[in-house]
Amino acid sequence: MDPLSQVLSLLKPSGVFWHLVEAQGDWKIGFNPENVVVFGQMLSGTATVRRADGIEFVVDAGDFLLMVDPPSWSMAIGTGREAIEFKTLLSRSGPLAVDESKFAGAKFIAGNFSFAVASSELFRFIVRSVALIKSGEMENQRLIALLSALGDEVMDERPARNFIVERLLEVILAEALRYRGLAMEVASPGLIAGLQDPKVGSALKLVHKDAKKSWTVSQLARDVGLSRSAFAMRFTDIVGVPPIDYISRWRMLLAKNALADSSFSMAEIAEMVGFQSVSAFSTSFKRETGLPPSAYRKASVR
């Protein structure tokens, strides 16, 4: 299984919340910070996204947006209104705001993904904190077709709409994550960036193919045809962490998933993630998470 498929299989999408918003005139919607992965697709119109951390960008019709664990943020056309909280819109019907201003109307889908494990940790592992796919820059015809189907389905009250929209969003998530245009200048490195680099991508595939192997930087460098120093620098620059740190984080994610979602013994899990003893695994796991494996298993609710 390739690295991205492995990570997506750990995420186990368990639910999608979404809401269609129709806004006219001079409008502004505020979103509170949440420990989730939020998404949005602009169906028509244009709006400006402003985040509390200073990141600002424009979304146009057809654009698709992903944000991991965002701070408070807003979407707006114009500046003449106070922000209406997104949650207050859920009980409303009709346009968000109507006036005689010069601003055109907009329609967009906003929501978030739910997962079987902590979404923000895994998403920081694979993708940048802000990802905006501009419709005018899309070369992926599959993604274009999926986003078009999503827009058509949301706008039409056909039978099984919710079921189809949720399945489409799950497929769009996977397709968007592997799309090469998924980047903003403000974003940080991650697994997706690493997989796009021939040398680093080859190393990542080796690690994900056999996580329990006693990998060294020197061995990985030899396997991909680079010197140790050149490989370590290239990996760190592109992925965002040194190779050994990446391997450790990936092993801990595998361990967390096994503890929360399997009946494997501690010895089996320790061996699965490359430890020769339960005590060594327990020490490393507690250092990483603050909890011993047995306590983490008890605290995990599925």
C-alpha atoms as a PDB file:
ATOM      1  CA  MET A   1       0.000   0.000   0.000  1.00  0.00           C
ATOM      2  CA  ASP A   2       1.408   3.429  -0.909  1.00  0.00           C
ATOM      3  CA  PRO A   3       2.093   6.003   1.861  1.00  0.00           C
ATOM      4  CA  LEU A   4      -0.918   8.240   1.178  1.00  0.00           C
ATOM      5  CA  SER A   5      -3.291   5.264   1.053  1.00  0.00           C
ATOM      6  CA  GLN A   6      -1.870   4.058   4.359  1.00  0.00           C
ATOM      7  CA  VAL A   7      -2.512   7.393   6.024  1.00  0.00           C
ATOM      8  CA  LEU A   8      -6.014   7.704   4.579  1.00  0.00           C
ATOM      9  CA  SER A   9      -6.806   4.201   5.791  1.00  0.00           C
ATOM     10  CA  LEU A  10      -5.810   5.287   9.302  1.00  0.00           C
ATOM     11  CA  LEU A  11      -8.051   8.342   9.072  1.00  0.00           C
ATOM     12  CA  LYS A  12     -11.109   6.159   8.402  1.00  0.00           C
ATOM     13  CA  PRO A  13     -13.544   8.943   7.406  1.00  0.00           C
ATOM     14  CA  SER A  14     -16.543   8.385   9.654  1.00  0.00           C
ATOM     15  CA  GLY A  15     -18.676  11.394   8.813  1.00  0.00           C
ATOM     16  CA  VAL A  16     -18.973  14.581   6.836  1.00  0.00           C
ATOM     17  CA  PHE A  17     -20.794  17.674   7.993  1.00  0.00           C
ATOM     18  CA  TRP A  18     -21.691  20.156   5.264  1.00  0.00           C
ATOM     19  CA  HIS A  19     -23.994  23.100   4.720  1.00  0.00           C
ATOM     20  CA  LEU A  20     -24.942  25.018   1.597  1.00  0.00           C
ATOM     21  CA  VAL A  21     -24.761  28.782   2.107  1.00  0.00           C
ATOM     22  CA  GLU A  22     -26.348  31.312  -0.214  1.00  0.00           C
ATOM     23  CA  ALA A  23     -25.261  34.886   0.399  1.00  0.00           C
ATOM     24  CA  GLN A  24     -26.243  38.097  -1.347  1.00  0.00           C
ATOM     25  CA  GLY A  25     -25.105  41.649  -0.886  1.00  0.00           C
ATOM     26  CA  ASP A  26     -22.505  42.804   1.582  1.00  0.00           C
ATOM     27  CA  TRP A  27     -21.947  39.807   3.874  1.00  0.00           C
ATOM     28  CA  LYS A  28     -19.476  38.281   6.313  1.00  0.00           C
ATOM     29  CA  ILE A  29     -19.476  34.893   8.050  1.00  0.00           C
ATOM     30  CA  GLY A  30     -17.315  34.132  11.076  1.00  0.00           C
ATOM     31  CA  PHE A  31     -15.999  30.680  11.956  1.00  0.00           C
ATOM     32  CA  ASN A  32     -14.737  29.801  15.424  1.00  0.00           C
ATOM     33  CA  PRO A  33     -11.465  27.855  15.809  1.00  0.00           C
ATOM     34  CA  GLU A  34     -12.008  24.100  15.946  1.00  0.00           C
ATOM     35  CA  ASN A  35      -9.734  21.090  16.064  1.00  0.00           C
ATOM     36  CA  VAL A  36     -11.053  19.757  12.751  1.00  0.00           C
ATOM     37  CA  VAL A  37     -10.274  19.661   9.055  1.00  0.00           C
ATOM     38  CA  VAL A  38     -12.572  22.144   7.349  1.00  0.00           C
ATOM     39  CA  PHE A  39     -13.357  22.358   3.678  1.00  0.00           C
ATOM     40  CA  GLY A  40     -15.201  24.677   1.340  1.00  0.00           C
ATOM     41  CA  GLN A  41     -16.117  24.817  -2.314  1.00  0.00           C
ATOM     42  CA  MET A  42     -17.167  28.064  -3.968  1.00  0.00           C
ATOM     43  CA  LEU A  43     -20.021  27.267  -6.347  1.00  0.00           C
ATOM     44  CA  SER A  44     -20.555  30.826  -7.557  1.00  0.00           C
ATOM     45  CA  GLY A  45     -19.269  34.274  -6.727  1.00  0.00           C
ATOM     46  CA  THR A  46     -16.054  35.364  -5.034  1.00  0.00           C
ATOM     47  CA  ALA A  47     -15.150  35.897  -1.385  1.00  0.00           C
ATOM     48  CA  THR A  48     -12.141  36.797   0.741  1.00  0.00           C
ATOM     49  CA  VAL A  49     -10.948  34.471   3.500  1.00  0.00           C
ATOM     50  CA  ARG A  50      -9.195  36.136   6.432  1.00  0.00           C
ATOM     51  CA  ARG A  51      -7.642  34.133   9.256  1.00  0.00           C
ATOM     52  CA  ALA A  52      -6.688  35.321  12.737  1.00  0.00           C
ATOM     53  CA  ASP A  53      -3.076  34.346  12.035  1.00  0.00           C
ATOM     54  CA  GLY A  54      -2.858  36.925   9.247  1.00  0.00           C
ATOM     55  CA  ILE A  55      -3.287  34.575   6.281  1.00  0.00           C
ATOM     56  CA  GLU A  56      -5.623  36.066   3.666  1.00  0.00           C
ATOM     57  CA  PHE A  57      -6.645  34.893   0.209  1.00  0.00           C
ATOM     58  CA  VAL A  58      -9.471  35.046  -2.329  1.00  0.00           C
ATOM     59  CA  VAL A  59     -11.690  32.108  -3.293  1.00  0.00           C
ATOM     60  CA  ASP A  60     -13.412  32.205  -6.674  1.00  0.00           C
ATOM     61  CA  ALA A  61     -16.129  30.082  -8.252  1.00  0.00           C
ATOM     62  CA  GLY A  62     -14.916  26.495  -8.602  1.00  0.00           C
ATOM     63  CA  ASP A  63     -12.112  26.777  -6.022  1.00  0.00           C
ATOM     64  CA  PHE A  64     -11.750  24.088  -3.347  1.00  0.00           C
ATOM     65  CA  LEU A  65     -10.292  24.823   0.104  1.00  0.00           C
ATOM     66  CA  LEU A  66      -8.897  22.639   2.901  1.00  0.00           C
ATOM     67  CA  MET A  67      -7.680  23.980   6.262  1.00  0.00           C
ATOM     68  CA  VAL A  68      -6.266  21.904   9.104  1.00  0.00           C
ATOM     69  CA  ASP A  69      -7.165  22.973  12.642  1.00  0.00           C
ATOM     70  CA  PRO A  70      -7.647  26.627  11.639  1.00  0.00           C
ATOM     71  CA  PRO A  71      -7.785  29.565  14.042  1.00  0.00           C
ATOM     72  CA  SER A  72     -10.837  31.823  13.915  1.00  0.00           C
ATOM     73  CA  TRP A  73     -11.469  32.938  10.340  1.00  0.00           C
ATOM     74  CA  SER A  74     -14.048  34.616   8.158  1.00  0.00           C
ATOM     75  CA  MET A  75     -15.393  34.696   4.612  1.00  0.00           C
ATOM     76  CA  ALA A  76     -16.737  37.971   3.274  1.00  0.00           C
ATOM     77  CA  ILE A  77     -17.745  40.145   0.381  1.00  0.00           C
ATOM     78  CA  GLY A  78     -17.404  43.791   1.329  1.00  0.00           C
ATOM     79  CA  THR A  79     -16.734  45.046   4.825  1.00  0.00           C
ATOM     80  CA  GLY A  80     -19.959  46.753   5.856  1.00  0.00           C
ATOM     81  CA  ARG A  81     -21.435  44.096   8.106  1.00  0.00           C
ATOM     82  CA  GLU A  82     -20.452  42.437  11.348  1.00  0.00           C
ATOM     83  CA  ALA A  83     -19.686  38.751  11.017  1.00  0.00           C
ATOM     84  CA  ILE A  84     -22.570  36.326  11.457  1.00  0.00           C
ATOM     85  CA  GLU A  85     -21.403  33.121  13.164  1.00  0.00           C
ATOM     86  CA  PHE A  86     -21.579  30.119  10.871  1.00  0.00           C
ATOM     87  CA  LYS A  87     -23.403  28.004  13.450  1.00  0.00           C
ATOM     88  CA  THR A  88     -26.280  30.488  13.570  1.00  0.00           C
ATOM     89  CA  LEU A  89     -26.890  29.878   9.870  1.00  0.00           C
ATOM     90  CA  LEU A  90     -27.776  26.236  10.367  1.00  0.00           C
ATOM     91  CA  SER A  91     -31.347  27.027  11.426  1.00  0.00           C
ATOM     92  CA  ARG A  92     -31.872  29.670   8.759  1.00  0.00           C
ATOM     93  CA  SER A  93     -33.331  29.376   5.292  1.00  0.00           C
ATOM     94  CA  GLY A  94     -32.830  31.666   2.332  1.00  0.00           C
ATOM     95  CA  PRO A  95     -29.948  34.031   1.576  1.00  0.00           C
ATOM     96  CA  LEU A  96     -27.608  35.118   4.326  1.00  0.00           C
ATOM     97  CA  ALA A  97     -27.906  38.823   3.512  1.00  0.00           C
ATOM     98  CA  VAL A  98     -29.806  40.830   0.904  1.00  0.00           C
ATOM     99  CA  ASP A  99     -29.324  44.522   0.187  1.00  0.00           C
ATOM    100  CA  GLU A 100     -28.948  46.966  -2.669  1.00  0.00           C
ATOM    101  CA  SER A 101     -25.171  46.998  -2.625  1.00  0.00           C
ATOM    102  CA  LYS A 102     -22.970  46.490  -5.632  1.00  0.00           C
ATOM    103  CA  PHE A 103     -21.735  43.109  -4.417  1.00  0.00           C
ATOM    104  CA  ALA A 104     -22.886  40.042  -6.303  1.00  0.00           C
ATOM    105  CA  GLY A 105     -24.346  36.956  -4.670  1.00  0.00           C
ATOM    106  CA  ALA A 106     -22.404  33.819  -3.809  1.00  0.00           C
ATOM    107  CA  LYS A 107     -23.103  30.160  -3.130  1.00  0.00           C
ATOM    108  CA  PHE A 108     -20.686  27.839  -1.412  1.00  0.00           C
ATOM    109  CA  ILE A 109     -20.446  24.599   0.519  1.00  0.00           C
ATOM    110  CA  ALA A 110     -18.797  24.745   3.956  1.00  0.00           C
ATOM    111  CA  GLY A 111     -18.206  21.915   6.387  1.00  0.00           C
ATOM    112  CA  ASN A 112     -15.735  19.596   8.053  1.00  0.00           C
ATOM    113  CA  PHE A 113     -14.589  15.998   7.991  1.00  0.00           C
ATOM    114  CA  SER A 114     -14.836  13.621  10.942  1.00  0.00           C
ATOM    115  CA  PHE A 115     -12.371  10.776  11.375  1.00  0.00           C
ATOM    116  CA  ALA A 116     -11.809   7.733  13.531  1.00  0.00           C
ATOM    117  CA  VAL A 117      -8.548   9.154  14.875  1.00  0.00           C
ATOM    118  CA  ALA A 118      -7.328  12.657  15.674  1.00  0.00           C
ATOM    119  CA  SER A 119      -7.630  14.430  12.342  1.00  0.00           C
ATOM    120  CA  SER A 120      -5.361  17.387  12.967  1.00  0.00           C
ATOM    121  CA  GLU A 121      -2.376  15.245  13.970  1.00  0.00           C
ATOM    122  CA  LEU A 122      -2.639  13.034  10.903  1.00  0.00           C
ATOM    123  CA  PHE A 123      -3.343  15.896   8.558  1.00  0.00           C
ATOM    124  CA  ARG A 124      -0.344  17.844   9.792  1.00  0.00           C
ATOM    125  CA  PHE A 125       1.567  14.681   9.028  1.00  0.00           C
ATOM    126  CA  ILE A 126       0.526  14.643   5.371  1.00  0.00           C
ATOM    127  CA  VAL A 127      -0.620  18.037   4.174  1.00  0.00           C
ATOM    128  CA  ARG A 128      -0.072  21.722   4.609  1.00  0.00           C
ATOM    129  CA  SER A 129      -2.188  23.698   7.039  1.00  0.00           C
ATOM    130  CA  VAL A 130      -3.880  25.652   4.248  1.00  0.00           C
ATOM    131  CA  ALA A 131      -4.536  24.193   0.805  1.00  0.00           C
ATOM    132  CA  LEU A 132      -6.379  26.136  -1.889  1.00  0.00           C
ATOM    133  CA  ILE A 133      -6.977  24.499  -5.254  1.00  0.00           C
ATOM    134  CA  LYS A 134      -7.751  27.194  -7.818  1.00  0.00           C
ATOM    135  CA  SER A 135     -10.200  26.104 -10.493  1.00  0.00           C
ATOM    136  CA  GLY A 136      -8.339  28.042 -13.171  1.00  0.00           C
ATOM    137  CA  GLU A 137      -5.133  26.144 -12.420  1.00  0.00           C
ATOM    138  CA  MET A 138      -6.573  22.635 -12.295  1.00  0.00           C
ATOM    139  CA  GLU A 139      -5.001  20.126 -14.633  1.00  0.00           C
ATOM    140  CA  ASN A 140      -6.608  17.131 -12.949  1.00  0.00           C
ATOM    141  CA  GLN A 141      -9.708  16.298 -14.994  1.00  0.00           C
ATOM    142  CA  ARG A 142     -10.853  13.748 -12.418  1.00  0.00           C
ATOM    143  CA  LEU A 143     -10.899  16.377  -9.677  1.00  0.00           C
ATOM    144  CA  ILE A 144     -12.676  18.862 -11.954  1.00  0.00           C
ATOM    145  CA  ALA A 145     -15.362  16.256 -12.715  1.00  0.00           C
ATOM    146  CA  LEU A 146     -15.771  15.345  -9.036  1.00  0.00           C
ATOM    147  CA  LEU A 147     -16.137  18.972  -7.945  1.00  0.00           C
ATOM    148  CA  SER A 148     -18.644  19.568 -10.732  1.00  0.00           C
ATOM    149  CA  ALA A 149     -20.659  16.522  -9.630  1.00  0.00           C
ATOM    150  CA  LEU A 150     -20.552  17.745  -6.027  1.00  0.00           C
ATOM    151  CA  GLY A 151     -21.917  21.144  -7.023  1.00  0.00           C
ATOM    152  CA  ASP A 152     -24.696  19.609  -9.107  1.00  0.00           C
ATOM    153  CA  GLU A 153     -25.704  17.233  -6.325  1.00  0.00           C
ATOM    154  CA  VAL A 154     -25.758  19.913  -3.615  1.00  0.00           C
ATOM    155  CA  MET A 155     -27.897  22.244  -5.717  1.00  0.00           C
ATOM    156  CA  ASP A 156     -30.552  19.628  -6.541  1.00  0.00           C
ATOM    157  CA  GLU A 157     -32.946  18.005  -4.041  1.00  0.00           C
ATOM    158  CA  ARG A 158     -32.685  14.506  -5.498  1.00  0.00           C
ATOM    159  CA  PRO A 159     -33.215  11.254  -3.553  1.00  0.00           C
ATOM    160  CA  ALA A 160     -30.169  10.081  -1.549  1.00  0.00           C
ATOM    161  CA  ARG A 161     -28.539  13.513  -1.913  1.00  0.00           C
ATOM    162  CA  ASN A 162     -26.862  13.480   1.503  1.00  0.00           C
ATOM    163  CA  PHE A 163     -25.464   9.989   1.012  1.00  0.00           C
ATOM    164  CA  ILE A 164     -24.028  10.817  -2.409  1.00  0.00           C
ATOM    165  CA  VAL A 165     -22.604  14.173  -1.281  1.00  0.00           C
ATOM    166  CA  GLU A 166     -20.795  12.541   1.642  1.00  0.00           C
ATOM    167  CA  ARG A 167     -19.289   9.830  -0.583  1.00  0.00           C
ATOM    168  CA  LEU A 168     -18.245  12.413  -3.156  1.00  0.00           C
ATOM    169  CA  LEU A 169     -16.558  14.510  -0.467  1.00  0.00           C
ATOM    170  CA  GLU A 170     -14.579  11.511   0.773  1.00  0.00           C
ATOM    171  CA  VAL A 171     -13.306  10.803  -2.749  1.00  0.00           C
ATOM    172  CA  ILE A 172     -12.635  14.511  -3.360  1.00  0.00           C
ATOM    173  CA  LEU A 173     -10.576  14.612  -0.160  1.00  0.00           C
ATOM    174  CA  ALA A 174      -8.301  11.830  -1.409  1.00  0.00           C
ATOM    175  CA  GLU A 175      -8.084  13.270  -4.917  1.00  0.00           C
ATOM    176  CA  ALA A 176      -7.371  16.775  -3.619  1.00  0.00           C
ATOM    177  CA  LEU A 177      -4.614  15.548  -1.295  1.00  0.00           C
ATOM    178  CA  ARG A 178      -2.697  13.976  -4.136  1.00  0.00           C
ATOM    179  CA  TYR A 179      -3.285  16.817  -6.558  1.00  0.00           C
ATOM    180  CA  ARG A 180       0.030  18.477  -7.424  1.00  0.00           C
ATOM    181  CA  GLY A 181      -1.457  21.957  -7.366  1.00  0.00           C
ATOM    182  CA  LEU A 182      -2.365  21.622  -3.687  1.00  0.00           C
ATOM    183  CA  ALA A 183      -0.184  24.365  -2.203  1.00  0.00           C
ATOM    184  CA  MET A 184      -0.062  27.918  -0.986  1.00  0.00           C
ATOM    185  CA  GLU A 185       3.014  30.005  -0.328  1.00  0.00           C
ATOM    186  CA  VAL A 186       2.046  30.225   3.342  1.00  0.00           C
ATOM    187  CA  ALA A 187       1.958  26.467   3.766  1.00  0.00           C
ATOM    188  CA  SER A 188       4.504  24.219   5.449  1.00  0.00           C
ATOM    189  CA  PRO A 189       6.089  21.031   4.080  1.00  0.00           C
ATOM    190  CA  GLY A 190       4.563  17.594   4.545  1.00  0.00           C
ATOM    191  CA  LEU A 191       4.132  14.077   3.207  1.00  0.00           C
ATOM    192  CA  ILE A 192       2.448  15.253   0.000  1.00  0.00           C
ATOM    193  CA  ALA A 193       5.403  17.480  -0.832  1.00  0.00           C
ATOM    194  CA  GLY A 194       7.772  14.616  -0.051  1.00  0.00           C
ATOM    195  CA  LEU A 195       5.977  12.187  -2.337  1.00  0.00           C
ATOM    196  CA  GLN A 196       6.295  14.648  -5.219  1.00  0.00           C
ATOM    197  CA  ASP A 197      10.097  14.625  -4.953  1.00  0.00           C
ATOM    198  CA  PRO A 198      11.658  11.575  -6.709  1.00  0.00           C
ATOM    199  CA  LYS A 199      14.402  10.956  -4.117  1.00  0.00           C
ATOM    200  CA  VAL A 200      12.457  11.773  -0.958  1.00  0.00           C
ATOM    201  CA  GLY A 201       9.378  10.031  -2.320  1.00  0.00           C
ATOM    202  CA  SER A 202      11.364   6.833  -2.868  1.00  0.00           C
ATOM    203  CA  ALA A 203      12.616   6.957   0.717  1.00  0.00           C
ATOM    204  CA  LEU A 204       9.099   7.520   2.070  1.00  0.00           C
ATOM    205  CA  LYS A 205       7.808   4.528   0.141  1.00  0.00           C
ATOM    206  CA  LEU A 206      10.561   2.358   1.617  1.00  0.00           C
ATOM    207  CA  VAL A 207       9.751   3.463   5.161  1.00  0.00           C
ATOM    208  CA  HIS A 208       6.010   2.988   4.746  1.00  0.00           C
ATOM    209  CA  LYS A 209       6.496  -0.422   3.143  1.00  0.00           C
ATOM    210  CA  ASP A 210       8.384  -1.720   6.184  1.00  0.00           C
ATOM    211  CA  ALA A 211       7.924   0.525   9.227  1.00  0.00           C
ATOM    212  CA  LYS A 212       9.457  -1.971  11.662  1.00  0.00           C
ATOM    213  CA  LYS A 213      12.809  -2.153   9.876  1.00  0.00           C
ATOM    214  CA  SER A 214      15.734  -0.542  11.703  1.00  0.00           C
ATOM    215  CA  TRP A 215      16.145   2.282   9.208  1.00  0.00           C
ATOM    216  CA  THR A 216      19.135   4.598   9.301  1.00  0.00           C
ATOM    217  CA  VAL A 217      19.666   7.830   7.422  1.00  0.00           C
ATOM    218  CA  SER A 218      22.738   6.335   5.758  1.00  0.00           C
ATOM    219  CA  GLN A 219      20.829   3.316   4.487  1.00  0.00           C
ATOM    220  CA  LEU A 220      17.954   5.372   3.117  1.00  0.00           C
ATOM    221  CA  ALA A 221      20.418   7.738   1.458  1.00  0.00           C
ATOM    222  CA  ARG A 222      22.197   4.816  -0.238  1.00  0.00           C
ATOM    223  CA  ASP A 223      18.899   3.307  -1.351  1.00  0.00           C
ATOM    224  CA  VAL A 224      17.830   6.519  -3.129  1.00  0.00           C
ATOM    225  CA  GLY A 225      21.273   7.355  -4.520  1.00  0.00           C
ATOM    226  CA  LEU A 226      22.279  10.378  -2.435  1.00  0.00           C
ATOM    227  CA  SER A 227      24.975  11.147   0.091  1.00  0.00           C
ATOM    228  CA  ARG A 228      23.901  11.011   3.724  1.00  0.00           C
ATOM    229  CA  SER A 229      24.162  14.768   4.250  1.00  0.00           C
ATOM    230  CA  ALA A 230      22.446  15.669   0.966  1.00  0.00           C
ATOM    231  CA  PHE A 231      19.599  13.248   1.658  1.00  0.00           C
ATOM    232  CA  ALA A 232      19.088  14.409   5.253  1.00  0.00           C
ATOM    233  CA  MET A 233      18.991  18.064   4.207  1.00  0.00           C
ATOM    234  CA  ARG A 234      16.680  17.421   1.256  1.00  0.00           C
ATOM    235  CA  PHE A 235      14.296  15.285   3.305  1.00  0.00           C
ATOM    236  CA  THR A 236      14.124  17.808   6.145  1.00  0.00           C
ATOM    237  CA  ASP A 237      13.560  20.757   3.819  1.00  0.00           C
ATOM    238  CA  ILE A 238      10.751  19.066   1.885  1.00  0.00           C
ATOM    239  CA  VAL A 239       8.973  17.015   4.563  1.00  0.00           C
ATOM    240  CA  GLY A 240       9.578  19.426   7.434  1.00  0.00           C
ATOM    241  CA  VAL A 241      11.242  17.027   9.874  1.00  0.00           C
ATOM    242  CA  PRO A 242      14.480  14.972   9.783  1.00  0.00           C
ATOM    243  CA  PRO A 243      14.161  11.402   8.446  1.00  0.00           C
ATOM    244  CA  ILE A 244      14.526   9.675  11.819  1.00  0.00           C
ATOM    245  CA  ASP A 245      11.938  11.986  13.410  1.00  0.00           C
ATOM    246  CA  TYR A 246       9.550  11.202  10.569  1.00  0.00           C
ATOM    247  CA  ILE A 247      10.046   7.468  11.028  1.00  0.00           C
ATOM    248  CA  SER A 248       9.442   7.799  14.781  1.00  0.00           C
ATOM    249  CA  ARG A 249       6.248   9.815  14.260  1.00  0.00           C
ATOM    250  CA  TRP A 250       4.936   7.363  11.706  1.00  0.00           C
ATOM    251  CA  ARG A 251       5.588   4.421  14.013  1.00  0.00           C
ATOM    252  CA  MET A 252       3.783   6.167  16.867  1.00  0.00           C
ATOM    253  CA  LEU A 253       0.789   6.868  14.633  1.00  0.00           C
ATOM    254  CA  LEU A 254       0.663   3.192  13.683  1.00  0.00           C
ATOM    255  CA  ALA A 255       0.922   2.258  17.344  1.00  0.00           C
ATOM    256  CA  LYS A 256      -1.869   4.642  18.361  1.00  0.00           C
ATOM    257  CA  ASN A 257      -4.131   3.233  15.683  1.00  0.00           C
ATOM    258  CA  ALA A 258      -3.394  -0.349  16.738  1.00  0.00           C
ATOM    259  CA  LEU A 259      -3.963   0.433  20.409  1.00  0.00           C
ATOM    260  CA  ALA A 260      -7.260   2.176  19.739  1.00  0.00           C
ATOM    261  CA  ASP A 261      -8.661  -0.098  17.063  1.00  0.00           C
ATOM    262  CA  SER A 262      -7.329  -3.624  17.511  1.00  0.00           C
ATOM    263  CA  SER A 263      -6.956  -6.421  20.017  1.00  0.00           C
ATOM    264  CA  PHE A 264      -3.249  -6.895  19.335  1.00  0.00           C
ATOM    265  CA  SER A 265      -1.144  -7.491  22.429  1.00  0.00           C
ATOM    266  CA  MET A 266       1.475  -4.974  23.530  1.00  0.00           C
ATOM    267  CA  ALA A 267       4.200  -7.338  22.345  1.00  0.00           C
ATOM    268  CA  GLU A 268       2.603  -7.612  18.898  1.00  0.00           C
ATOM    269  CA  ILE A 269       2.222  -3.843  18.575  1.00  0.00           C
ATOM    270  CA  ALA A 270       5.768  -3.243  19.772  1.00  0.00           C
ATOM    271  CA  GLU A 271       7.111  -5.620  17.122  1.00  0.00           C
ATOM    272  CA  MET A 272       4.836  -4.083  14.471  1.00  0.00           C
ATOM    273  CA  VAL A 273       6.399  -0.667  14.926  1.00  0.00           C
ATOM    274  CA  GLY A 274      10.024  -1.732  15.195  1.00  0.00           C
ATOM    275  CA  PHE A 275      10.703  -2.233  18.914  1.00  0.00           C
ATOM    276  CA  GLN A 276      12.434  -5.341  20.209  1.00  0.00           C
ATOM    277  CA  SER A 277      10.809  -5.186  23.636  1.00  0.00           C
ATOM    278  CA  VAL A 278       7.575  -3.998  25.218  1.00  0.00           C
ATOM    279  CA  SER A 279       9.508  -1.908  27.730  1.00  0.00           C
ATOM    280  CA  ALA A 280      11.370  -0.012  25.004  1.00  0.00           C
ATOM    281  CA  PHE A 281       8.106   0.558  23.164  1.00  0.00           C
ATOM    282  CA  SER A 282       6.334   1.734  26.326  1.00  0.00           C
ATOM    283  CA  THR A 283       9.127   4.172  27.164  1.00  0.00           C
ATOM    284  CA  SER A 284       9.134   5.669  23.668  1.00  0.00           C
ATOM    285  CA  PHE A 285       5.344   5.806  23.475  1.00  0.00           C
ATOM    286  CA  LYS A 286       5.013   7.588  26.833  1.00  0.00           C
ATOM    287  CA  ARG A 287       7.718  10.069  25.863  1.00  0.00           C
ATOM    288  CA  GLU A 288       5.774  10.837  22.670  1.00  0.00           C
ATOM    289  CA  THR A 289       2.216  10.957  24.052  1.00  0.00           C
ATOM    290  CA  GLY A 290       2.534  11.471  27.814  1.00  0.00           C
ATOM    291  CA  LEU A 291       0.675   8.201  28.454  1.00  0.00           C
ATOM    292  CA  PRO A 292       1.804   4.594  28.674  1.00  0.00           C
ATOM    293  CA  PRO A 293       0.324   2.402  25.912  1.00  0.00           C
ATOM    294  CA  SER A 294      -2.098   0.642  28.270  1.00  0.00           C
ATOM    295  CA  ALA A 295      -3.515   3.963  29.501  1.00  0.00           C
ATOM    296  CA  TYR A 296      -3.800   5.266  25.924  1.00  0.00           C
ATOM    297  CA  ARG A 297      -5.746   2.136  24.944  1.00  0.00           C
ATOM    298  CA  LYS A 298      -8.156   2.566  27.852  1.00  0.00           C
ATOM    299  CA  ALA A 299      -8.676   6.246  27.053  1.00  0.00           C
ATOM    300  CA  SER A 300      -9.370   5.610  23.372  1.00  0.00           C
ATOM    301  CA  VAL A 301     -13.021   5.458  22.455  1.00  0.00           C
ATOM    302  CA  ARG A 302     -14.163   4.087  19.106  1.00  0.00           C
END
